[in-house]
Amino acid sequence: LAGTENNYMVPTADPDKTVKEYTRPAAGKERVQPSELRPPAILLKTVQYLVEEIVPKTDVPWVEVYNFVFDRLRSIKQDMTIQQVKGKSCVSILEVSLRFL
């Protein structure tokens, strides 16, 4: 961001570990851009990351882990719905998601 180039206190994120937050569709809100949608292969990798790496965490209260993962799984389902993901891709993503529920 402009004006933060020299601010070493600004947190940085690992792009390999960032997960898109759920946003509620609302009237008057712009449509989701295709570039913001994750393809099925990335959705599957994201679900696997959440279930295998985030859910087992014990250094964070379970309620925080649960709320975080639940929100991110909603975002994944939203991307799947918008793209109308079907077939083996859909089943693979949902199978891993169900391990959390």
PDB file of N, CA and C in Angstrom:
ATOM      1  N   LEU A   1       0.830  -1.181   0.000  1.00  0.00           N
ATOM      2  CA  LEU A   1       0.000   0.000   0.000  1.00  0.00           C
ATOM      3  C   LEU A   1       0.871   1.238   0.000  1.00  0.00           C
ATOM      4  N   ALA A   2       0.396   2.238  -0.689  1.00  0.00           N
ATOM      5  CA  ALA A   2       1.142   3.490  -0.730  1.00  0.00           C
ATOM      6  C   ALA A   2       1.275   4.056   0.679  1.00  0.00           C
ATOM      7  N   GLY A   3       2.460   4.494   1.013  1.00  0.00           N
ATOM      8  CA  GLY A   3       2.704   5.082   2.323  1.00  0.00           C
ATOM      9  C   GLY A   3       3.171   4.085   3.362  1.00  0.00           C
ATOM     10  N   THR A   4       3.196   2.799   3.020  1.00  0.00           N
ATOM     11  CA  THR A   4       3.631   1.801   3.997  1.00  0.00           C
ATOM     12  C   THR A   4       4.936   1.124   3.581  1.00  0.00           C
ATOM     13  N   GLU A   5       5.568   1.624   2.524  1.00  0.00           N
ATOM     14  CA  GLU A   5       6.781   0.992   2.007  1.00  0.00           C
ATOM     15  C   GLU A   5       7.876   0.880   3.053  1.00  0.00           C
ATOM     16  N   ASN A   6       7.983   1.866   3.916  1.00  0.00           N
ATOM     17  CA  ASN A   6       9.053   1.882   4.914  1.00  0.00           C
ATOM     18  C   ASN A   6       8.562   1.510   6.306  1.00  0.00           C
ATOM     19  N   ASN A   7       7.354   1.049   6.413  1.00  0.00           N
ATOM     20  CA  ASN A   7       6.799   0.685   7.713  1.00  0.00           C
ATOM     21  C   ASN A   7       7.015  -0.803   7.941  1.00  0.00           C
ATOM     22  N   TYR A   8       7.955  -1.136   8.803  1.00  0.00           N
ATOM     23  CA  TYR A   8       8.287  -2.532   9.050  1.00  0.00           C
ATOM     24  C   TYR A   8       7.302  -3.206  10.007  1.00  0.00           C
ATOM     25  N   MET A   9       6.353  -2.444  10.524  1.00  0.00           N
ATOM     26  CA  MET A   9       5.358  -2.992  11.437  1.00  0.00           C
ATOM     27  C   MET A   9       4.145  -3.563  10.698  1.00  0.00           C
ATOM     28  N   VAL A  10       4.082  -3.386   9.385  1.00  0.00           N
ATOM     29  CA  VAL A  10       2.961  -3.895   8.597  1.00  0.00           C
ATOM     30  C   VAL A  10       3.138  -5.404   8.445  1.00  0.00           C
ATOM     31  N   PRO A  11       2.153  -6.176   8.865  1.00  0.00           N
ATOM     32  CA  PRO A  11       2.284  -7.628   8.745  1.00  0.00           C
ATOM     33  C   PRO A  11       2.277  -8.066   7.285  1.00  0.00           C
ATOM     34  N   THR A  12       2.969  -9.155   7.028  1.00  0.00           N
ATOM     35  CA  THR A  12       2.972  -9.726   5.687  1.00  0.00           C
ATOM     36  C   THR A  12       2.403 -11.129   5.774  1.00  0.00           C
ATOM     37  N   ALA A  13       1.824 -11.575   4.684  1.00  0.00           N
ATOM     38  CA  ALA A  13       1.212 -12.901   4.655  1.00  0.00           C
ATOM     39  C   ALA A  13       1.957 -13.798   3.680  1.00  0.00           C
ATOM     40  N   ASP A  14       1.984 -15.059   3.999  1.00  0.00           N
ATOM     41  CA  ASP A  14       2.559 -16.057   3.100  1.00  0.00           C
ATOM     42  C   ASP A  14       1.495 -16.382   2.058  1.00  0.00           C
ATOM     43  N   PRO A  15       1.728 -16.066   0.778  1.00  0.00           N
ATOM     44  CA  PRO A  15       0.695 -16.297  -0.240  1.00  0.00           C
ATOM     45  C   PRO A  15       0.296 -17.762  -0.374  1.00  0.00           C
ATOM     46  N   ASP A  16       1.163 -18.672   0.045  1.00  0.00           N
ATOM     47  CA  ASP A  16       0.824 -20.088  -0.022  1.00  0.00           C
ATOM     48  C   ASP A  16      -0.107 -20.527   1.105  1.00  0.00           C
ATOM     49  N   LYS A  17      -0.295 -19.644   2.087  1.00  0.00           N
ATOM     50  CA  LYS A  17      -1.114 -20.017   3.238  1.00  0.00           C
ATOM     51  C   LYS A  17      -2.290 -19.076   3.460  1.00  0.00           C
ATOM     52  N   THR A  18      -2.559 -18.191   2.533  1.00  0.00           N
ATOM     53  CA  THR A  18      -3.702 -17.291   2.677  1.00  0.00           C
ATOM     54  C   THR A  18      -4.942 -17.972   2.114  1.00  0.00           C
ATOM     55  N   VAL A  19      -6.057 -17.790   2.782  1.00  0.00           N
ATOM     56  CA  VAL A  19      -7.310 -18.439   2.385  1.00  0.00           C
ATOM     57  C   VAL A  19      -8.395 -17.379   2.330  1.00  0.00           C
ATOM     58  N   LYS A  20      -9.108 -17.349   1.211  1.00  0.00           N
ATOM     59  CA  LYS A  20     -10.133 -16.320   0.988  1.00  0.00           C
ATOM     60  C   LYS A  20     -11.265 -16.432   1.999  1.00  0.00           C
ATOM     61  N   GLU A  21     -11.629 -15.282   2.554  1.00  0.00           N
ATOM     62  CA  GLU A  21     -12.704 -15.173   3.535  1.00  0.00           C
ATOM     63  C   GLU A  21     -14.060 -15.207   2.823  1.00  0.00           C
ATOM     64  N   TYR A  22     -15.065 -15.734   3.514  1.00  0.00           N
ATOM     65  CA  TYR A  22     -16.426 -15.761   2.974  1.00  0.00           C
ATOM     66  C   TYR A  22     -16.995 -14.349   2.956  1.00  0.00           C
ATOM     67  N   THR A  23     -17.626 -13.986   1.855  1.00  0.00           N
ATOM     68  CA  THR A  23     -18.333 -12.714   1.784  1.00  0.00           C
ATOM     69  C   THR A  23     -19.761 -12.994   1.365  1.00  0.00           C
ATOM     70  N   ARG A  24     -20.655 -12.403   2.062  1.00  0.00           N
ATOM     71  CA  ARG A  24     -22.075 -12.636   1.835  1.00  0.00           C
ATOM     72  C   ARG A  24     -22.550 -11.877   0.599  1.00  0.00           C
ATOM     73  N   PRO A  25     -23.237 -12.578  -0.315  1.00  0.00           N
ATOM     74  CA  PRO A  25     -23.775 -11.872  -1.473  1.00  0.00           C
ATOM     75  C   PRO A  25     -24.881 -10.921  -1.022  1.00  0.00           C
ATOM     76  N   ALA A  26     -24.899  -9.732  -1.593  1.00  0.00           N
ATOM     77  CA  ALA A  26     -25.899  -8.748  -1.188  1.00  0.00           C
ATOM     78  C   ALA A  26     -26.384  -7.977  -2.406  1.00  0.00           C
ATOM     79  N   ALA A  27     -27.597  -7.483  -2.288  1.00  0.00           N
ATOM     80  CA  ALA A  27     -28.161  -6.674  -3.358  1.00  0.00           C
ATOM     81  C   ALA A  27     -27.312  -5.423  -3.544  1.00  0.00           C
ATOM     82  N   GLY A  28     -27.092  -5.054  -4.772  1.00  0.00           N
ATOM     83  CA  GLY A  28     -26.321  -3.864  -5.059  1.00  0.00           C
ATOM     84  C   GLY A  28     -24.822  -4.083  -5.040  1.00  0.00           C
ATOM     85  N   LYS A  29     -24.399  -5.265  -4.656  1.00  0.00           N
ATOM     86  CA  LYS A  29     -22.974  -5.574  -4.610  1.00  0.00           C
ATOM     87  C   LYS A  29     -22.526  -6.029  -5.998  1.00  0.00           C
ATOM     88  N   GLU A  30     -21.311  -5.672  -6.359  1.00  0.00           N
ATOM     89  CA  GLU A  30     -20.798  -6.073  -7.654  1.00  0.00           C
ATOM     90  C   GLU A  30     -20.684  -7.583  -7.744  1.00  0.00           C
ATOM     91  N   ARG A  31     -20.854  -8.098  -8.944  1.00  0.00           N
ATOM     92  CA  ARG A  31     -20.718  -9.535  -9.168  1.00  0.00           C
ATOM     93  C   ARG A  31     -19.269  -9.954  -8.928  1.00  0.00           C
ATOM     94  N   VAL A  32     -19.097 -11.191  -8.572  1.00  0.00           N
ATOM     95  CA  VAL A  32     -17.761 -11.737  -8.357  1.00  0.00           C
ATOM     96  C   VAL A  32     -17.047 -11.807  -9.708  1.00  0.00           C
ATOM     97  N   GLN A  33     -15.842 -11.313  -9.729  1.00  0.00           N
ATOM     98  CA  GLN A  33     -15.044 -11.354 -10.956  1.00  0.00           C
ATOM     99  C   GLN A  33     -14.475 -12.760 -11.141  1.00  0.00           C
ATOM    100  N   PRO A  34     -14.444 -13.258 -12.373  1.00  0.00           N
ATOM    101  CA  PRO A  34     -13.886 -14.595 -12.615  1.00  0.00           C
ATOM    102  C   PRO A  34     -12.464 -14.750 -12.068  1.00  0.00           C
ATOM    103  N   SER A  35     -11.697 -13.670 -12.067  1.00  0.00           N
ATOM    104  CA  SER A  35     -10.320 -13.751 -11.562  1.00  0.00           C
ATOM    105  C   SER A  35     -10.273 -13.980 -10.048  1.00  0.00           C
ATOM    106  N   GLU A  36     -11.391 -13.746  -9.350  1.00  0.00           N
ATOM    107  CA  GLU A  36     -11.450 -13.945  -7.900  1.00  0.00           C
ATOM    108  C   GLU A  36     -11.873 -15.357  -7.527  1.00  0.00           C
ATOM    109  N   LEU A  37     -12.312 -16.134  -8.513  1.00  0.00           N
ATOM    110  CA  LEU A  37     -12.748 -17.499  -8.249  1.00  0.00           C
ATOM    111  C   LEU A  37     -11.579 -18.461  -8.363  1.00  0.00           C
ATOM    112  N   ARG A  38     -11.532 -19.399  -7.423  1.00  0.00           N
ATOM    113  CA  ARG A  38     -10.478 -20.404  -7.441  1.00  0.00           C
ATOM    114  C   ARG A  38     -10.967 -21.609  -8.235  1.00  0.00           C
ATOM    115  N   PRO A  39     -10.149 -22.152  -9.137  1.00  0.00           N
ATOM    116  CA  PRO A  39     -10.561 -23.336  -9.892  1.00  0.00           C
ATOM    117  C   PRO A  39     -10.671 -24.548  -8.966  1.00  0.00           C
ATOM    118  N   PRO A  40     -11.413 -25.576  -9.390  1.00  0.00           N
ATOM    119  CA  PRO A  40     -11.626 -26.750  -8.530  1.00  0.00           C
ATOM    120  C   PRO A  40     -10.350 -27.361  -7.949  1.00  0.00           C
ATOM    121  N   ALA A  41      -9.289 -27.433  -8.714  1.00  0.00           N
ATOM    122  CA  ALA A  41      -8.042 -28.030  -8.191  1.00  0.00           C
ATOM    123  C   ALA A  41      -7.503 -27.218  -7.013  1.00  0.00           C
ATOM    124  N   ILE A  42      -7.609 -25.909  -7.077  1.00  0.00           N
ATOM    125  CA  ILE A  42      -7.140 -25.043  -5.989  1.00  0.00           C
ATOM    126  C   ILE A  42      -8.093 -25.135  -4.802  1.00  0.00           C
ATOM    127  N   LEU A  43      -9.387 -25.251  -5.073  1.00  0.00           N
ATOM    128  CA  LEU A  43     -10.357 -25.421  -3.984  1.00  0.00           C
ATOM    129  C   LEU A  43     -10.048 -26.694  -3.202  1.00  0.00           C
ATOM    130  N   LEU A  44      -9.731 -27.765  -3.916  1.00  0.00           N
ATOM    131  CA  LEU A  44      -9.395 -29.030  -3.241  1.00  0.00           C
ATOM    132  C   LEU A  44      -8.134 -28.867  -2.396  1.00  0.00           C
ATOM    133  N   LYS A  45      -7.116 -28.228  -2.939  1.00  0.00           N
ATOM    134  CA  LYS A  45      -5.883 -28.005  -2.166  1.00  0.00           C
ATOM    135  C   LYS A  45      -6.156 -27.154  -0.930  1.00  0.00           C
ATOM    136  N   THR A  46      -7.039 -26.179  -1.071  1.00  0.00           N
ATOM    137  CA  THR A  46      -7.388 -25.309   0.047  1.00  0.00           C
ATOM    138  C   THR A  46      -8.097 -26.089   1.140  1.00  0.00           C
ATOM    139  N   VAL A  47      -9.046 -26.934   0.755  1.00  0.00           N
ATOM    140  CA  VAL A  47      -9.771 -27.755   1.735  1.00  0.00           C
ATOM    141  C   VAL A  47      -8.793 -28.695   2.437  1.00  0.00           C
ATOM    142  N   GLN A  48      -7.908 -29.307   1.677  1.00  0.00           N
ATOM    143  CA  GLN A  48      -6.916 -30.211   2.279  1.00  0.00           C
ATOM    144  C   GLN A  48      -6.034 -29.458   3.267  1.00  0.00           C
ATOM    145  N   TYR A  49      -5.606 -28.270   2.905  1.00  0.00           N
ATOM    146  CA  TYR A  49      -4.784 -27.453   3.803  1.00  0.00           C
ATOM    147  C   TYR A  49      -5.534 -27.145   5.092  1.00  0.00           C
ATOM    148  N   LEU A  50      -6.788 -26.718   4.962  1.00  0.00           N
ATOM    149  CA  LEU A  50      -7.576 -26.376   6.149  1.00  0.00           C
ATOM    150  C   LEU A  50      -7.741 -27.583   7.071  1.00  0.00           C
ATOM    151  N   VAL A  51      -8.117 -28.723   6.497  1.00  0.00           N
ATOM    152  CA  VAL A  51      -8.411 -29.908   7.307  1.00  0.00           C
ATOM    153  C   VAL A  51      -7.143 -30.543   7.869  1.00  0.00           C
ATOM    154  N   GLU A  52      -6.080 -30.568   7.085  1.00  0.00           N
ATOM    155  CA  GLU A  52      -4.864 -31.259   7.511  1.00  0.00           C
ATOM    156  C   GLU A  52      -3.898 -30.378   8.309  1.00  0.00           C
ATOM    157  N   GLU A  53      -3.897 -29.068   8.058  1.00  0.00           N
ATOM    158  CA  GLU A  53      -2.926 -28.188   8.704  1.00  0.00           C
ATOM    159  C   GLU A  53      -3.529 -27.277   9.775  1.00  0.00           C
ATOM    160  N   ILE A  54      -4.741 -26.805   9.562  1.00  0.00           N
ATOM    161  CA  ILE A  54      -5.339 -25.839  10.482  1.00  0.00           C
ATOM    162  C   ILE A  54      -6.157 -26.523  11.578  1.00  0.00           C
ATOM    163  N   VAL A  55      -7.003 -27.465  11.200  1.00  0.00           N
ATOM    164  CA  VAL A  55      -7.872 -28.129  12.189  1.00  0.00           C
ATOM    165  C   VAL A  55      -7.079 -28.772  13.328  1.00  0.00           C
ATOM    166  N   PRO A  56      -5.957 -29.440  13.071  1.00  0.00           N
ATOM    167  CA  PRO A  56      -5.228 -30.076  14.179  1.00  0.00           C
ATOM    168  C   PRO A  56      -4.508 -29.119  15.132  1.00  0.00           C
ATOM    169  N   LYS A  57      -4.485 -27.831  14.856  1.00  0.00           N
ATOM    170  CA  LYS A  57      -3.747 -26.886  15.707  1.00  0.00           C
ATOM    171  C   LYS A  57      -4.241 -26.954  17.152  1.00  0.00           C
ATOM    172  N   THR A  58      -3.295 -26.947  18.054  1.00  0.00           N
ATOM    173  CA  THR A  58      -3.635 -26.979  19.480  1.00  0.00           C
ATOM    174  C   THR A  58      -3.152 -25.723  20.208  1.00  0.00           C
ATOM    175  N   ASP A  59      -2.428 -24.853  19.497  1.00  0.00           N
ATOM    176  CA  ASP A  59      -1.907 -23.640  20.129  1.00  0.00           C
ATOM    177  C   ASP A  59      -2.893 -22.478  20.054  1.00  0.00           C
ATOM    178  N   VAL A  60      -4.072 -22.742  19.501  1.00  0.00           N
ATOM    179  CA  VAL A  60      -5.125 -21.734  19.365  1.00  0.00           C
ATOM    180  C   VAL A  60      -6.402 -22.347  19.927  1.00  0.00           C
ATOM    181  N   PRO A  61      -7.229 -21.575  20.619  1.00  0.00           N
ATOM    182  CA  PRO A  61      -8.483 -22.133  21.142  1.00  0.00           C
ATOM    183  C   PRO A  61      -9.326 -22.753  20.020  1.00  0.00           C
ATOM    184  N   TRP A  62      -9.918 -23.916  20.327  1.00  0.00           N
ATOM    185  CA  TRP A  62     -10.693 -24.657  19.328  1.00  0.00           C
ATOM    186  C   TRP A  62     -11.787 -23.799  18.705  1.00  0.00           C
ATOM    187  N   VAL A  63     -12.443 -22.962  19.465  1.00  0.00           N
ATOM    188  CA  VAL A  63     -13.523 -22.141  18.921  1.00  0.00           C
ATOM    189  C   VAL A  63     -12.997 -21.220  17.814  1.00  0.00           C
ATOM    190  N   GLU A  64     -11.793 -20.712  17.952  1.00  0.00           N
ATOM    191  CA  GLU A  64     -11.210 -19.861  16.910  1.00  0.00           C
ATOM    192  C   GLU A  64     -10.877 -20.668  15.664  1.00  0.00           C
ATOM    193  N   VAL A  65     -10.312 -21.846  15.871  1.00  0.00           N
ATOM    194  CA  VAL A  65     -10.009 -22.731  14.737  1.00  0.00           C
ATOM    195  C   VAL A  65     -11.300 -23.083  14.014  1.00  0.00           C
ATOM    196  N   TYR A  66     -12.311 -23.479  14.772  1.00  0.00           N
ATOM    197  CA  TYR A  66     -13.593 -23.875  14.176  1.00  0.00           C
ATOM    198  C   TYR A  66     -14.200 -22.733  13.370  1.00  0.00           C
ATOM    199  N   ASN A  67     -14.279 -21.541  13.960  1.00  0.00           N
ATOM    200  CA  ASN A  67     -14.874 -20.397  13.265  1.00  0.00           C
ATOM    201  C   ASN A  67     -14.107 -20.049  11.994  1.00  0.00           C
ATOM    202  N   PHE A  68     -12.786 -20.094  12.064  1.00  0.00           N
ATOM    203  CA  PHE A  68     -11.960 -19.797  10.900  1.00  0.00           C
ATOM    204  C   PHE A  68     -12.210 -20.811   9.784  1.00  0.00           C
ATOM    205  N   VAL A  69     -12.118 -22.084  10.108  1.00  0.00           N
ATOM    206  CA  VAL A  69     -12.269 -23.136   9.096  1.00  0.00           C
ATOM    207  C   VAL A  69     -13.694 -23.142   8.549  1.00  0.00           C
ATOM    208  N   PHE A  70     -14.677 -22.994   9.406  1.00  0.00           N
ATOM    209  CA  PHE A  70     -16.073 -22.970   8.952  1.00  0.00           C
ATOM    210  C   PHE A  70     -16.296 -21.837   7.945  1.00  0.00           C
ATOM    211  N   ASP A  71     -15.769 -20.654   8.248  1.00  0.00           N
ATOM    212  CA  ASP A  71     -15.896 -19.504   7.352  1.00  0.00           C
ATOM    213  C   ASP A  71     -15.230 -19.781   6.009  1.00  0.00           C
ATOM    214  N   ARG A  72     -14.028 -20.346   6.037  1.00  0.00           N
ATOM    215  CA  ARG A  72     -13.299 -20.592   4.794  1.00  0.00           C
ATOM    216  C   ARG A  72     -13.949 -21.700   3.973  1.00  0.00           C
ATOM    217  N   LEU A  73     -14.543 -22.685   4.631  1.00  0.00           N
ATOM    218  CA  LEU A  73     -15.268 -23.716   3.891  1.00  0.00           C
ATOM    219  C   LEU A  73     -16.515 -23.145   3.227  1.00  0.00           C
ATOM    220  N   ARG A  74     -17.159 -22.187   3.877  1.00  0.00           N
ATOM    221  CA  ARG A  74     -18.306 -21.496   3.247  1.00  0.00           C
ATOM    222  C   ARG A  74     -17.853 -20.777   1.989  1.00  0.00           C
ATOM    223  N   SER A  75     -16.698 -20.160   2.040  1.00  0.00           N
ATOM    224  CA  SER A  75     -16.164 -19.462   0.878  1.00  0.00           C
ATOM    225  C   SER A  75     -15.870 -20.438  -0.261  1.00  0.00           C
ATOM    226  N   ILE A  76     -15.353 -21.594   0.086  1.00  0.00           N
ATOM    227  CA  ILE A  76     -15.074 -22.621  -0.920  1.00  0.00           C
ATOM    228  C   ILE A  76     -16.373 -23.096  -1.560  1.00  0.00           C
ATOM    229  N   LYS A  77     -17.387 -23.360  -0.734  1.00  0.00           N
ATOM    230  CA  LYS A  77     -18.680 -23.791  -1.277  1.00  0.00           C
ATOM    231  C   LYS A  77     -19.290 -22.710  -2.156  1.00  0.00           C
ATOM    232  N   GLN A  78     -19.088 -21.453  -1.786  1.00  0.00           N
ATOM    233  CA  GLN A  78     -19.593 -20.343  -2.585  1.00  0.00           C
ATOM    234  C   GLN A  78     -18.924 -20.327  -3.966  1.00  0.00           C
ATOM    235  N   ASP A  79     -17.600 -20.487  -4.002  1.00  0.00           N
ATOM    236  CA  ASP A  79     -16.894 -20.542  -5.282  1.00  0.00           C
ATOM    237  C   ASP A  79     -17.386 -21.721  -6.120  1.00  0.00           C
ATOM    238  N   MET A  80     -17.609 -22.851  -5.466  1.00  0.00           N
ATOM    239  CA  MET A  80     -18.102 -24.035  -6.189  1.00  0.00           C
ATOM    240  C   MET A  80     -19.478 -23.768  -6.792  1.00  0.00           C
ATOM    241  N   THR A  81     -20.340 -23.118  -6.044  1.00  0.00           N
ATOM    242  CA  THR A  81     -21.700 -22.837  -6.504  1.00  0.00           C
ATOM    243  C   THR A  81     -21.681 -21.880  -7.694  1.00  0.00           C
ATOM    244  N   ILE A  82     -20.911 -20.824  -7.590  1.00  0.00           N
ATOM    245  CA  ILE A  82     -20.838 -19.839  -8.677  1.00  0.00           C
ATOM    246  C   ILE A  82     -20.320 -20.486  -9.958  1.00  0.00           C
ATOM    247  N   GLN A  83     -19.329 -21.364  -9.822  1.00  0.00           N
ATOM    248  CA  GLN A  83     -18.738 -22.031 -10.986  1.00  0.00           C
ATOM    249  C   GLN A  83     -19.523 -23.259 -11.431  1.00  0.00           C
ATOM    250  N   GLN A  84     -20.496 -23.655 -10.633  1.00  0.00           N
ATOM    251  CA  GLN A  84     -21.285 -24.853 -10.896  1.00  0.00           C
ATOM    252  C   GLN A  84     -20.380 -26.085 -11.027  1.00  0.00           C
ATOM    253  N   VAL A  85     -19.480 -26.240 -10.052  1.00  0.00           N
ATOM    254  CA  VAL A  85     -18.565 -27.379 -10.041  1.00  0.00           C
ATOM    255  C   VAL A  85     -19.379 -28.653  -9.837  1.00  0.00           C
ATOM    256  N   LYS A  86     -19.132 -29.632 -10.674  1.00  0.00           N
ATOM    257  CA  LYS A  86     -19.882 -30.897 -10.623  1.00  0.00           C
ATOM    258  C   LYS A  86     -18.928 -32.068 -10.761  1.00  0.00           C
ATOM    259  N   GLY A  87     -19.481 -33.244 -10.632  1.00  0.00           N
ATOM    260  CA  GLY A  87     -18.729 -34.465 -10.899  1.00  0.00           C
ATOM    261  C   GLY A  87     -17.666 -34.775  -9.865  1.00  0.00           C
ATOM    262  N   LYS A  88     -16.586 -35.397 -10.360  1.00  0.00           N
ATOM    263  CA  LYS A  88     -15.517 -35.869  -9.475  1.00  0.00           C
ATOM    264  C   LYS A  88     -14.877 -34.738  -8.676  1.00  0.00           C
ATOM    265  N   SER A  89     -14.734 -33.564  -9.301  1.00  0.00           N
ATOM    266  CA  SER A  89     -14.134 -32.434  -8.588  1.00  0.00           C
ATOM    267  C   SER A  89     -14.979 -32.060  -7.381  1.00  0.00           C
ATOM    268  N   CYS A  90     -16.270 -31.988  -7.589  1.00  0.00           N
ATOM    269  CA  CYS A  90     -17.196 -31.623  -6.504  1.00  0.00           C
ATOM    270  C   CYS A  90     -17.144 -32.659  -5.385  1.00  0.00           C
ATOM    271  N   VAL A  91     -17.194 -33.918  -5.764  1.00  0.00           N
ATOM    272  CA  VAL A  91     -17.184 -34.996  -4.771  1.00  0.00           C
ATOM    273  C   VAL A  91     -15.881 -34.980  -3.976  1.00  0.00           C
ATOM    274  N   SER A  92     -14.766 -34.781  -4.659  1.00  0.00           N
ATOM    275  CA  SER A  92     -13.467 -34.767  -3.977  1.00  0.00           C
ATOM    276  C   SER A  92     -13.389 -33.645  -2.944  1.00  0.00           C
ATOM    277  N   ILE A  93     -13.862 -32.474  -3.317  1.00  0.00           N
ATOM    278  CA  ILE A  93     -13.831 -31.324  -2.407  1.00  0.00           C
ATOM    279  C   ILE A  93     -14.745 -31.563  -1.213  1.00  0.00           C
ATOM    280  N   LEU A  94     -15.947 -32.049  -1.476  1.00  0.00           N
ATOM    281  CA  LEU A  94     -16.912 -32.265  -0.389  1.00  0.00           C
ATOM    282  C   LEU A  94     -16.489 -33.387   0.544  1.00  0.00           C
ATOM    283  N   GLU A  95     -15.842 -34.430   0.015  1.00  0.00           N
ATOM    284  CA  GLU A  95     -15.368 -35.535   0.857  1.00  0.00           C
ATOM    285  C   GLU A  95     -14.390 -35.025   1.910  1.00  0.00           C
ATOM    286  N   VAL A  96     -13.467 -34.195   1.494  1.00  0.00           N
ATOM    287  CA  VAL A  96     -12.486 -33.654   2.448  1.00  0.00           C
ATOM    288  C   VAL A  96     -13.149 -32.687   3.415  1.00  0.00           C
ATOM    289  N   SER A  97     -14.075 -31.874   2.903  1.00  0.00           N
ATOM    290  CA  SER A  97     -14.791 -30.909   3.761  1.00  0.00           C
ATOM    291  C   SER A  97     -15.556 -31.615   4.873  1.00  0.00           C
ATOM    292  N   LEU A  98     -16.153 -32.741   4.555  1.00  0.00           N
ATOM    293  CA  LEU A  98     -16.959 -33.461   5.543  1.00  0.00           C
ATOM    294  C   LEU A  98     -16.138 -33.978   6.719  1.00  0.00           C
ATOM    295  N   ARG A  99     -14.848 -34.151   6.528  1.00  0.00           N
ATOM    296  CA  ARG A  99     -13.996 -34.590   7.646  1.00  0.00           C
ATOM    297  C   ARG A  99     -14.032 -33.564   8.779  1.00  0.00           C
ATOM    298  N   PHE A 100     -14.217 -32.315   8.416  1.00  0.00           N
ATOM    299  CA  PHE A 100     -14.266 -31.248   9.414  1.00  0.00           C
ATOM    300  C   PHE A 100     -15.587 -31.253  10.166  1.00  0.00           C
ATOM    301  N   LEU A 101     -16.662 -31.495   9.443  1.00  0.00           N
ATOM    302  CA  LEU A 101     -17.990 -31.430  10.050  1.00  0.00           C
ATOM    303  C   LEU A 101     -18.211 -32.645  10.888  1.00  0.00           C
TER     304      LEU A 101
END
